[in-house]
Amino acid sequence: MNNIHKTAIIEDGAQLGDNITIGAYTIIGKNVTIGDGTTVGSHSLIEGNTTIGKNNEIFSHATLGSIPQDLKFAGEEVELIIGDNNKIREYTLFNPGTIGGGSKTIIGSNNLFMGYTHVAHDCIIGDNCIFANVATLAGHVECGDSVVVGGLTPVHQFCKLGSYAMVGGGSVVTQDIPPFCLAEGNRAILRGLNLTGLRRRLDNRDDINEIKKAYKAIFHSKESISDVSKRLLEQSNNKYVKELAQFVVDTKRGIPFNRK
């Protein structure tokens, strides 16, 4: 049984699962689908072709699925897809995709989006990520799993943040941040590995040691980071080392680091 406040507006065509709560003065558009157990706070707007999974907590004044803030957008059919068990706090803004970016913004599961977080068009976000207050993702940003972005941090369009990456608060990200790495500053540069995050997530300390060796080989060597990474891809059997090396080989925007 759903608990929908009498002042909420649910447009004809919206598909609601079971055990959904919708607060006062919230508007749910006709093309919206919301999964079982999800709660939507008061004064929120969910519109467009938006699909939301199960057991999400959406707090008051969130806006999900409004048209992209892209001047090229001309009303085409685009989507916002959100997984399960996310916490989406007050005044967050998530936009759907654009034709130029694949038409979809995709958000995984078990993420925390703190107040005023913005997820722009065509972003792809994995699982178990944390975005602190006023974290701002521009269009086409990609984040792996277990990424942490500090408060008041903008991420430039088309940047990629690898799994387990952490960006300090008040930073400005204009290049790709590899998996397992810690970055900080304006402009953000690598400061080392996100060892705290790795120790929380990886049980095998040998894996962490292998990541340490790979990081040192790639970013402290006099060789090009691409050449070292290609060699690691050929020689290492560790999946995390290969993930780090592949990310460096594939980067389009470059890696911000100071060679030591």
C-alpha atoms as a PDB file:
ATOM      1  CA  MET A   1       0.000   0.000   0.000  1.00  0.00           C
ATOM      2  CA  ASN A   2       1.340   3.423  -0.980  1.00  0.00           C
ATOM      3  CA  ASN A   3       1.345   6.513   1.226  1.00  0.00           C
ATOM      4  CA  ILE A   4       0.802   9.521  -1.060  1.00  0.00           C
ATOM      5  CA  HIS A   5       0.111  12.945   0.434  1.00  0.00           C
ATOM      6  CA  LYS A   6      -3.143  14.491  -0.708  1.00  0.00           C
ATOM      7  CA  THR A   7      -1.351  17.535  -2.160  1.00  0.00           C
ATOM      8  CA  ALA A   8       1.045  15.476  -4.305  1.00  0.00           C
ATOM      9  CA  ILE A   9       0.385  15.391  -8.050  1.00  0.00           C
ATOM     10  CA  ILE A  10       0.827  12.035  -9.786  1.00  0.00           C
ATOM     11  CA  GLU A  11       0.266  12.426 -13.519  1.00  0.00           C
ATOM     12  CA  ASP A  12      -1.608   9.764 -15.458  1.00  0.00           C
ATOM     13  CA  GLY A  13       0.834   7.222 -16.833  1.00  0.00           C
ATOM     14  CA  ALA A  14       3.282   7.263 -13.928  1.00  0.00           C
ATOM     15  CA  GLN A  15       4.092   3.742 -12.720  1.00  0.00           C
ATOM     16  CA  LEU A  16       4.486   3.292  -8.973  1.00  0.00           C
ATOM     17  CA  GLY A  17       5.518   0.119  -7.193  1.00  0.00           C
ATOM     18  CA  ASP A  18       4.414  -1.008  -3.747  1.00  0.00           C
ATOM     19  CA  ASN A  19       5.088   0.606  -0.354  1.00  0.00           C
ATOM     20  CA  ILE A  20       5.999   3.972  -1.858  1.00  0.00           C
ATOM     21  CA  THR A  21       5.784   7.209   0.141  1.00  0.00           C
ATOM     22  CA  ILE A  22       5.381  10.563  -1.621  1.00  0.00           C
ATOM     23  CA  GLY A  23       5.427  13.788   0.378  1.00  0.00           C
ATOM     24  CA  ALA A  24       3.429  16.993   0.177  1.00  0.00           C
ATOM     25  CA  TYR A  25       3.437  19.107  -2.994  1.00  0.00           C
ATOM     26  CA  THR A  26       5.636  16.673  -4.894  1.00  0.00           C
ATOM     27  CA  ILE A  27       5.037  16.224  -8.632  1.00  0.00           C
ATOM     28  CA  ILE A  28       5.590  12.908 -10.423  1.00  0.00           C
ATOM     29  CA  GLY A  29       5.491  13.090 -14.232  1.00  0.00           C
ATOM     30  CA  LYS A  30       3.624  10.806 -16.581  1.00  0.00           C
ATOM     31  CA  ASN A  31       6.706   8.953 -17.859  1.00  0.00           C
ATOM     32  CA  VAL A  32       8.216   8.228 -14.452  1.00  0.00           C
ATOM     33  CA  THR A  33       8.633   4.721 -13.004  1.00  0.00           C
ATOM     34  CA  ILE A  34       9.390   4.294  -9.284  1.00  0.00           C
ATOM     35  CA  GLY A  35      10.280   0.943  -7.717  1.00  0.00           C
ATOM     36  CA  ASP A  36       9.028  -0.658  -4.516  1.00  0.00           C
ATOM     37  CA  GLY A  37       9.854   0.864  -1.153  1.00  0.00           C
ATOM     38  CA  THR A  38      11.105   4.207  -2.448  1.00  0.00           C
ATOM     39  CA  THR A  39      10.313   7.384  -0.509  1.00  0.00           C
ATOM     40  CA  VAL A  40      10.104  10.846  -2.070  1.00  0.00           C
ATOM     41  CA  GLY A  41      10.167  13.892   0.198  1.00  0.00           C
ATOM     42  CA  SER A  42       8.004  16.979  -0.053  1.00  0.00           C
ATOM     43  CA  HIS A  43       8.276  19.635  -2.772  1.00  0.00           C
ATOM     44  CA  SER A  44      10.229  17.381  -5.122  1.00  0.00           C
ATOM     45  CA  LEU A  45       9.919  17.141  -8.902  1.00  0.00           C
ATOM     46  CA  ILE A  46      10.483  13.915 -10.826  1.00  0.00           C
ATOM     47  CA  GLU A  47       9.770  14.167 -14.538  1.00  0.00           C
ATOM     48  CA  GLY A  48      10.866  13.065 -17.992  1.00  0.00           C
ATOM     49  CA  ASN A  49      11.673   9.467 -18.898  1.00  0.00           C
ATOM     50  CA  THR A  50      12.958   8.671 -15.441  1.00  0.00           C
ATOM     51  CA  THR A  51      13.250   5.177 -13.980  1.00  0.00           C
ATOM     52  CA  ILE A  52      14.002   4.816 -10.276  1.00  0.00           C
ATOM     53  CA  GLY A  53      14.683   1.456  -8.650  1.00  0.00           C
ATOM     54  CA  LYS A  54      13.767   0.037  -5.265  1.00  0.00           C
ATOM     55  CA  ASN A  55      14.248   1.389  -1.736  1.00  0.00           C
ATOM     56  CA  ASN A  56      15.653   4.771  -2.673  1.00  0.00           C
ATOM     57  CA  GLU A  57      15.378   7.670  -0.221  1.00  0.00           C
ATOM     58  CA  ILE A  58      14.761  10.923  -2.076  1.00  0.00           C
ATOM     59  CA  PHE A  59      14.618  13.926   0.220  1.00  0.00           C
ATOM     60  CA  SER A  60      12.710  17.177  -0.128  1.00  0.00           C
ATOM     61  CA  HIS A  61      13.231  19.637  -2.989  1.00  0.00           C
ATOM     62  CA  ALA A  62      15.068  17.159  -5.215  1.00  0.00           C
ATOM     63  CA  THR A  63      14.688  17.630  -8.980  1.00  0.00           C
ATOM     64  CA  LEU A  64      15.221  14.482 -11.028  1.00  0.00           C
ATOM     65  CA  GLY A  65      14.800  14.122 -14.780  1.00  0.00           C
ATOM     66  CA  SER A  66      14.404  17.753 -15.831  1.00  0.00           C
ATOM     67  CA  ILE A  67      15.798  18.538 -19.280  1.00  0.00           C
ATOM     68  CA  PRO A  68      19.586  18.739 -19.725  1.00  0.00           C
ATOM     69  CA  GLN A  69      21.355  22.057 -19.259  1.00  0.00           C
ATOM     70  CA  ASP A  70      22.807  21.688 -22.735  1.00  0.00           C
ATOM     71  CA  LEU A  71      21.992  24.305 -25.361  1.00  0.00           C
ATOM     72  CA  LYS A  72      22.039  21.621 -28.069  1.00  0.00           C
ATOM     73  CA  PHE A  73      19.131  19.768 -26.465  1.00  0.00           C
ATOM     74  CA  ALA A  74      16.086  20.016 -28.730  1.00  0.00           C
ATOM     75  CA  GLY A  75      13.463  17.941 -26.960  1.00  0.00           C
ATOM     76  CA  GLU A  76      14.578  14.496 -28.102  1.00  0.00           C
ATOM     77  CA  GLU A  77      13.726  11.342 -26.139  1.00  0.00           C
ATOM     78  CA  VAL A  78      16.312  10.859 -23.392  1.00  0.00           C
ATOM     79  CA  GLU A  79      16.445   8.983 -20.089  1.00  0.00           C
ATOM     80  CA  LEU A  80      17.539   9.119 -16.471  1.00  0.00           C
ATOM     81  CA  ILE A  81      18.031   5.689 -14.889  1.00  0.00           C
ATOM     82  CA  ILE A  82      18.637   5.303 -11.139  1.00  0.00           C
ATOM     83  CA  GLY A  83      19.329   1.985  -9.377  1.00  0.00           C
ATOM     84  CA  ASP A  84      18.410   0.777  -5.889  1.00  0.00           C
ATOM     85  CA  ASN A  85      19.104   1.875  -2.308  1.00  0.00           C
ATOM     86  CA  ASN A  86      20.413   5.344  -3.104  1.00  0.00           C
ATOM     87  CA  LYS A  87      20.159   8.267  -0.690  1.00  0.00           C
ATOM     88  CA  ILE A  88      19.459  11.462  -2.641  1.00  0.00           C
ATOM     89  CA  ARG A  89      19.465  14.433  -0.311  1.00  0.00           C
ATOM     90  CA  GLU A  90      17.879  17.890  -0.424  1.00  0.00           C
ATOM     91  CA  TYR A  91      18.131  20.193  -3.473  1.00  0.00           C
ATOM     92  CA  THR A  92      19.898  17.650  -5.663  1.00  0.00           C
ATOM     93  CA  LEU A  93      19.574  17.996  -9.452  1.00  0.00           C
ATOM     94  CA  PHE A  94      19.941  15.038 -11.821  1.00  0.00           C
ATOM     95  CA  ASN A  95      19.522  15.503 -15.587  1.00  0.00           C
ATOM     96  CA  PRO A  96      18.888  12.865 -18.272  1.00  0.00           C
ATOM     97  CA  GLY A  97      21.204  12.226 -21.197  1.00  0.00           C
ATOM     98  CA  THR A  98      21.502  13.814 -24.624  1.00  0.00           C
ATOM     99  CA  ILE A  99      21.613  12.320 -28.093  1.00  0.00           C
ATOM    100  CA  GLY A 100      25.283  13.225 -28.383  1.00  0.00           C
ATOM    101  CA  GLY A 101      26.140  11.294 -25.221  1.00  0.00           C
ATOM    102  CA  GLY A 102      24.104   8.146 -25.737  1.00  0.00           C
ATOM    103  CA  SER A 103      20.767   9.543 -24.500  1.00  0.00           C
ATOM    104  CA  LYS A 104      21.093   8.195 -20.944  1.00  0.00           C
ATOM    105  CA  THR A 105      22.311   9.308 -17.563  1.00  0.00           C
ATOM    106  CA  ILE A 106      22.850   6.134 -15.524  1.00  0.00           C
ATOM    107  CA  ILE A 107      23.281   5.969 -11.752  1.00  0.00           C
ATOM    108  CA  GLY A 108      23.988   2.696  -9.961  1.00  0.00           C
ATOM    109  CA  SER A 109      22.991   1.546  -6.482  1.00  0.00           C
ATOM    110  CA  ASN A 110      23.883   2.214  -2.845  1.00  0.00           C
ATOM    111  CA  ASN A 111      25.180   5.723  -3.511  1.00  0.00           C
ATOM    112  CA  LEU A 112      24.931   8.786  -1.260  1.00  0.00           C
ATOM    113  CA  PHE A 113      24.315  12.159  -2.907  1.00  0.00           C
ATOM    114  CA  MET A 114      24.479  14.873  -0.262  1.00  0.00           C
ATOM    115  CA  GLY A 115      22.676  18.202  -0.491  1.00  0.00           C
ATOM    116  CA  TYR A 116      22.921  20.315  -3.657  1.00  0.00           C
ATOM    117  CA  THR A 117      24.774  17.621  -5.609  1.00  0.00           C
ATOM    118  CA  HIS A 118      24.410  18.013  -9.382  1.00  0.00           C
ATOM    119  CA  VAL A 119      24.652  15.124 -11.846  1.00  0.00           C
ATOM    120  CA  ALA A 120      24.577  16.526 -15.375  1.00  0.00           C
ATOM    121  CA  HIS A 121      23.582  14.928 -18.666  1.00  0.00           C
ATOM    122  CA  ASP A 122      25.149  11.670 -19.842  1.00  0.00           C
ATOM    123  CA  CYS A 123      26.959  10.935 -16.585  1.00  0.00           C
ATOM    124  CA  ILE A 124      27.556   7.313 -15.650  1.00  0.00           C
ATOM    125  CA  ILE A 125      27.998   6.494 -11.960  1.00  0.00           C
ATOM    126  CA  GLY A 126      28.731   3.106 -10.438  1.00  0.00           C
ATOM    127  CA  ASP A 127      27.801   1.708  -7.020  1.00  0.00           C
ATOM    128  CA  ASN A 128      28.697   2.642  -3.426  1.00  0.00           C
ATOM    129  CA  CYS A 129      29.854   6.169  -4.250  1.00  0.00           C
ATOM    130  CA  ILE A 130      29.678   9.224  -1.978  1.00  0.00           C
ATOM    131  CA  PHE A 131      29.264  12.767  -3.297  1.00  0.00           C
ATOM    132  CA  ALA A 132      29.482  15.381  -0.548  1.00  0.00           C
ATOM    133  CA  ASN A 133      27.545  18.645  -0.462  1.00  0.00           C
ATOM    134  CA  VAL A 134      27.689  20.706  -3.682  1.00  0.00           C
ATOM    135  CA  ALA A 135      29.731  18.147  -5.587  1.00  0.00           C
ATOM    136  CA  THR A 136      29.088  19.061  -9.221  1.00  0.00           C
ATOM    137  CA  LEU A 137      29.495  16.621 -12.095  1.00  0.00           C
ATOM    138  CA  ALA A 138      29.480  18.215 -15.544  1.00  0.00           C
ATOM    139  CA  GLY A 139      28.219  16.414 -18.631  1.00  0.00           C
ATOM    140  CA  HIS A 140      29.629  13.030 -19.673  1.00  0.00           C
ATOM    141  CA  VAL A 141      31.514  12.431 -16.403  1.00  0.00           C
ATOM    142  CA  GLU A 142      32.082   8.761 -15.544  1.00  0.00           C
ATOM    143  CA  CYS A 143      32.660   7.417 -12.031  1.00  0.00           C
ATOM    144  CA  GLY A 144      33.508   3.839 -11.138  1.00  0.00           C
ATOM    145  CA  ASP A 145      32.475   2.058  -7.943  1.00  0.00           C
ATOM    146  CA  SER A 146      33.229   3.355  -4.433  1.00  0.00           C
ATOM    147  CA  VAL A 147      34.312   6.807  -5.613  1.00  0.00           C
ATOM    148  CA  VAL A 148      34.310   9.637  -3.038  1.00  0.00           C
ATOM    149  CA  VAL A 149      34.078  13.283  -4.124  1.00  0.00           C
ATOM    150  CA  GLY A 150      34.452  15.946  -1.441  1.00  0.00           C
ATOM    151  CA  GLY A 151      32.197  18.923  -0.975  1.00  0.00           C
ATOM    152  CA  LEU A 152      32.292  22.014  -3.201  1.00  0.00           C
ATOM    153  CA  THR A 153      34.174  20.075  -5.874  1.00  0.00           C
ATOM    154  CA  PRO A 154      33.385  20.515  -9.577  1.00  0.00           C
ATOM    155  CA  VAL A 155      34.359  17.814 -12.060  1.00  0.00           C
ATOM    156  CA  HIS A 156      34.963  18.956 -15.652  1.00  0.00           C
ATOM    157  CA  GLN A 157      32.968  17.438 -18.492  1.00  0.00           C
ATOM    158  CA  PHE A 158      34.224  14.138 -19.953  1.00  0.00           C
ATOM    159  CA  CYS A 159      36.451  13.424 -16.939  1.00  0.00           C
ATOM    160  CA  LYS A 160      36.661   9.891 -15.575  1.00  0.00           C
ATOM    161  CA  LEU A 161      37.130   8.898 -11.948  1.00  0.00           C
ATOM    162  CA  GLY A 162      38.235   5.306 -11.475  1.00  0.00           C
ATOM    163  CA  SER A 163      36.922   2.926  -8.832  1.00  0.00           C
ATOM    164  CA  TYR A 164      38.011   3.685  -5.241  1.00  0.00           C
ATOM    165  CA  ALA A 165      39.282   7.120  -6.271  1.00  0.00           C
ATOM    166  CA  MET A 166      38.893   9.920  -3.726  1.00  0.00           C
ATOM    167  CA  VAL A 167      38.895  13.662  -4.439  1.00  0.00           C
ATOM    168  CA  GLY A 168      39.373  16.081  -1.557  1.00  0.00           C
ATOM    169  CA  GLY A 169      36.834  18.786  -0.796  1.00  0.00           C
ATOM    170  CA  GLY A 170      37.155  22.144  -2.526  1.00  0.00           C
ATOM    171  CA  SER A 171      39.146  20.678  -5.410  1.00  0.00           C
ATOM    172  CA  VAL A 172      38.728  21.335  -9.133  1.00  0.00           C
ATOM    173  CA  VAL A 173      38.976  18.215 -11.289  1.00  0.00           C
ATOM    174  CA  THR A 174      39.884  18.839 -14.937  1.00  0.00           C
ATOM    175  CA  GLN A 175      41.639  15.560 -15.796  1.00  0.00           C
ATOM    176  CA  ASP A 176      41.085  11.858 -15.199  1.00  0.00           C
ATOM    177  CA  ILE A 177      41.691  10.448 -11.712  1.00  0.00           C
ATOM    178  CA  PRO A 178      42.851   6.814 -11.859  1.00  0.00           C
ATOM    179  CA  PRO A 179      41.338   4.058  -9.728  1.00  0.00           C
ATOM    180  CA  PHE A 180      42.602   3.700  -6.136  1.00  0.00           C
ATOM    181  CA  CYS A 181      44.122   7.188  -6.181  1.00  0.00           C
ATOM    182  CA  LEU A 182      43.749  10.239  -3.951  1.00  0.00           C
ATOM    183  CA  ALA A 183      43.603  13.659  -5.637  1.00  0.00           C
ATOM    184  CA  GLU A 184      43.248  17.137  -4.208  1.00  0.00           C
ATOM    185  CA  GLY A 185      43.815  20.788  -5.055  1.00  0.00           C
ATOM    186  CA  ASN A 186      42.862  23.534  -7.502  1.00  0.00           C
ATOM    187  CA  ARG A 187      43.618  22.109 -10.013  1.00  0.00           C
ATOM    188  CA  ALA A 188      43.461  18.653  -8.508  1.00  0.00           C
ATOM    189  CA  ILE A 189      46.587  16.516  -8.787  1.00  0.00           C
ATOM    190  CA  LEU A 190      47.416  13.057  -7.494  1.00  0.00           C
ATOM    191  CA  ARG A 191      48.589  12.991  -3.887  1.00  0.00           C
ATOM    192  CA  GLY A 192      49.040   9.239  -3.596  1.00  0.00           C
ATOM    193  CA  LEU A 193      46.793   6.253  -3.105  1.00  0.00           C
ATOM    194  CA  ASN A 194      43.447   6.194  -1.323  1.00  0.00           C
ATOM    195  CA  LEU A 195      44.825   3.723   1.194  1.00  0.00           C
ATOM    196  CA  THR A 196      42.028   4.209   3.702  1.00  0.00           C
ATOM    197  CA  GLY A 197      39.434   3.313   1.076  1.00  0.00           C
ATOM    198  CA  LEU A 198      41.475   0.350  -0.129  1.00  0.00           C
ATOM    199  CA  ARG A 199      41.904  -1.047   3.389  1.00  0.00           C
ATOM    200  CA  ARG A 200      38.180  -0.796   3.951  1.00  0.00           C
ATOM    201  CA  ARG A 201      37.276  -2.543   0.712  1.00  0.00           C
ATOM    202  CA  LEU A 202      40.068  -5.015  -0.027  1.00  0.00           C
ATOM    203  CA  ASP A 203      40.672  -7.914   2.345  1.00  0.00           C
ATOM    204  CA  ASN A 204      43.893  -9.069   0.716  1.00  0.00           C
ATOM    205  CA  ARG A 205      46.818  -6.885   1.794  1.00  0.00           C
ATOM    206  CA  ASP A 206      48.935  -8.435  -0.947  1.00  0.00           C
ATOM    207  CA  ASP A 207      46.632  -6.746  -3.475  1.00  0.00           C
ATOM    208  CA  ILE A 208      47.184  -3.400  -1.772  1.00  0.00           C
ATOM    209  CA  ASN A 209      50.952  -3.913  -1.851  1.00  0.00           C
ATOM    210  CA  GLU A 210      50.792  -4.720  -5.559  1.00  0.00           C
ATOM    211  CA  ILE A 211      48.783  -1.544  -6.187  1.00  0.00           C
ATOM    212  CA  LYS A 212      51.416   0.451  -4.257  1.00  0.00           C
ATOM    213  CA  LYS A 213      54.202  -0.972  -6.396  1.00  0.00           C
ATOM    214  CA  ALA A 214      52.280  -0.246  -9.587  1.00  0.00           C
ATOM    215  CA  TYR A 215      51.513   3.332  -8.543  1.00  0.00           C
ATOM    216  CA  LYS A 216      55.187   3.971  -7.808  1.00  0.00           C
ATOM    217  CA  ALA A 217      56.272   2.387 -11.085  1.00  0.00           C
ATOM    218  CA  ILE A 218      53.819   4.446 -13.145  1.00  0.00           C
ATOM    219  CA  PHE A 219      54.030   7.862 -11.519  1.00  0.00           C
ATOM    220  CA  HIS A 220      57.559   7.946 -10.037  1.00  0.00           C
ATOM    221  CA  SER A 221      59.400   6.579 -13.061  1.00  0.00           C
ATOM    222  CA  LYS A 222      61.275   8.678 -15.637  1.00  0.00           C
ATOM    223  CA  GLU A 223      59.558   6.685 -18.385  1.00  0.00           C
ATOM    224  CA  SER A 224      56.248   7.781 -19.845  1.00  0.00           C
ATOM    225  CA  ILE A 225      53.297   6.671 -17.777  1.00  0.00           C
ATOM    226  CA  SER A 226      51.787   5.082 -20.870  1.00  0.00           C
ATOM    227  CA  ASP A 227      54.839   2.911 -21.546  1.00  0.00           C
ATOM    228  CA  VAL A 228      55.065   1.735 -17.937  1.00  0.00           C
ATOM    229  CA  SER A 229      51.341   0.983 -17.870  1.00  0.00           C
ATOM    230  CA  LYS A 230      51.512  -1.037 -21.077  1.00  0.00           C
ATOM    231  CA  ARG A 231      54.353  -3.103 -19.631  1.00  0.00           C
ATOM    232  CA  LEU A 232      52.370  -3.725 -16.435  1.00  0.00           C
ATOM    233  CA  LEU A 233      49.414  -4.894 -18.500  1.00  0.00           C
ATOM    234  CA  GLU A 234      51.643  -7.483 -20.145  1.00  0.00           C
ATOM    235  CA  GLN A 235      53.554  -8.616 -17.060  1.00  0.00           C
ATOM    236  CA  SER A 236      51.207  -8.386 -14.068  1.00  0.00           C
ATOM    237  CA  ASN A 237      48.633 -11.005 -13.144  1.00  0.00           C
ATOM    238  CA  ASN A 238      46.981  -8.820 -10.503  1.00  0.00           C
ATOM    239  CA  LYS A 239      43.535  -7.618 -11.607  1.00  0.00           C
ATOM    240  CA  TYR A 240      43.797  -4.357  -9.676  1.00  0.00           C
ATOM    241  CA  VAL A 241      47.165  -3.514 -11.182  1.00  0.00           C
ATOM    242  CA  LYS A 242      45.736  -4.238 -14.608  1.00  0.00           C
ATOM    243  CA  GLU A 243      42.753  -1.994 -13.874  1.00  0.00           C
ATOM    244  CA  LEU A 244      45.046   0.878 -12.873  1.00  0.00           C
ATOM    245  CA  ALA A 245      47.326   0.367 -15.864  1.00  0.00           C
ATOM    246  CA  GLN A 246      44.456   0.083 -18.348  1.00  0.00           C
ATOM    247  CA  PHE A 247      42.929   3.309 -17.054  1.00  0.00           C
ATOM    248  CA  VAL A 248      46.201   5.165 -17.632  1.00  0.00           C
ATOM    249  CA  VAL A 249      46.578   3.732 -21.136  1.00  0.00           C
ATOM    250  CA  ASP A 250      43.010   4.680 -22.045  1.00  0.00           C
ATOM    251  CA  THR A 251      42.909   8.209 -20.611  1.00  0.00           C
ATOM    252  CA  LYS A 252      41.759  10.924 -22.980  1.00  0.00           C
ATOM    253  CA  ARG A 253      42.091  13.967 -20.728  1.00  0.00           C
ATOM    254  CA  GLY A 254      45.390  12.960 -19.138  1.00  0.00           C
ATOM    255  CA  ILE A 255      46.415  12.223 -15.574  1.00  0.00           C
ATOM    256  CA  PRO A 256      47.292  15.167 -13.265  1.00  0.00           C
ATOM    257  CA  PHE A 257      50.497  14.285 -11.387  1.00  0.00           C
ATOM    258  CA  ASN A 258      53.882  15.718 -10.494  1.00  0.00           C
ATOM    259  CA  ARG A 259      56.755  13.455 -11.426  1.00  0.00           C
ATOM    260  CA  LYS A 260      59.096  12.836  -8.481  1.00  0.00           C
END
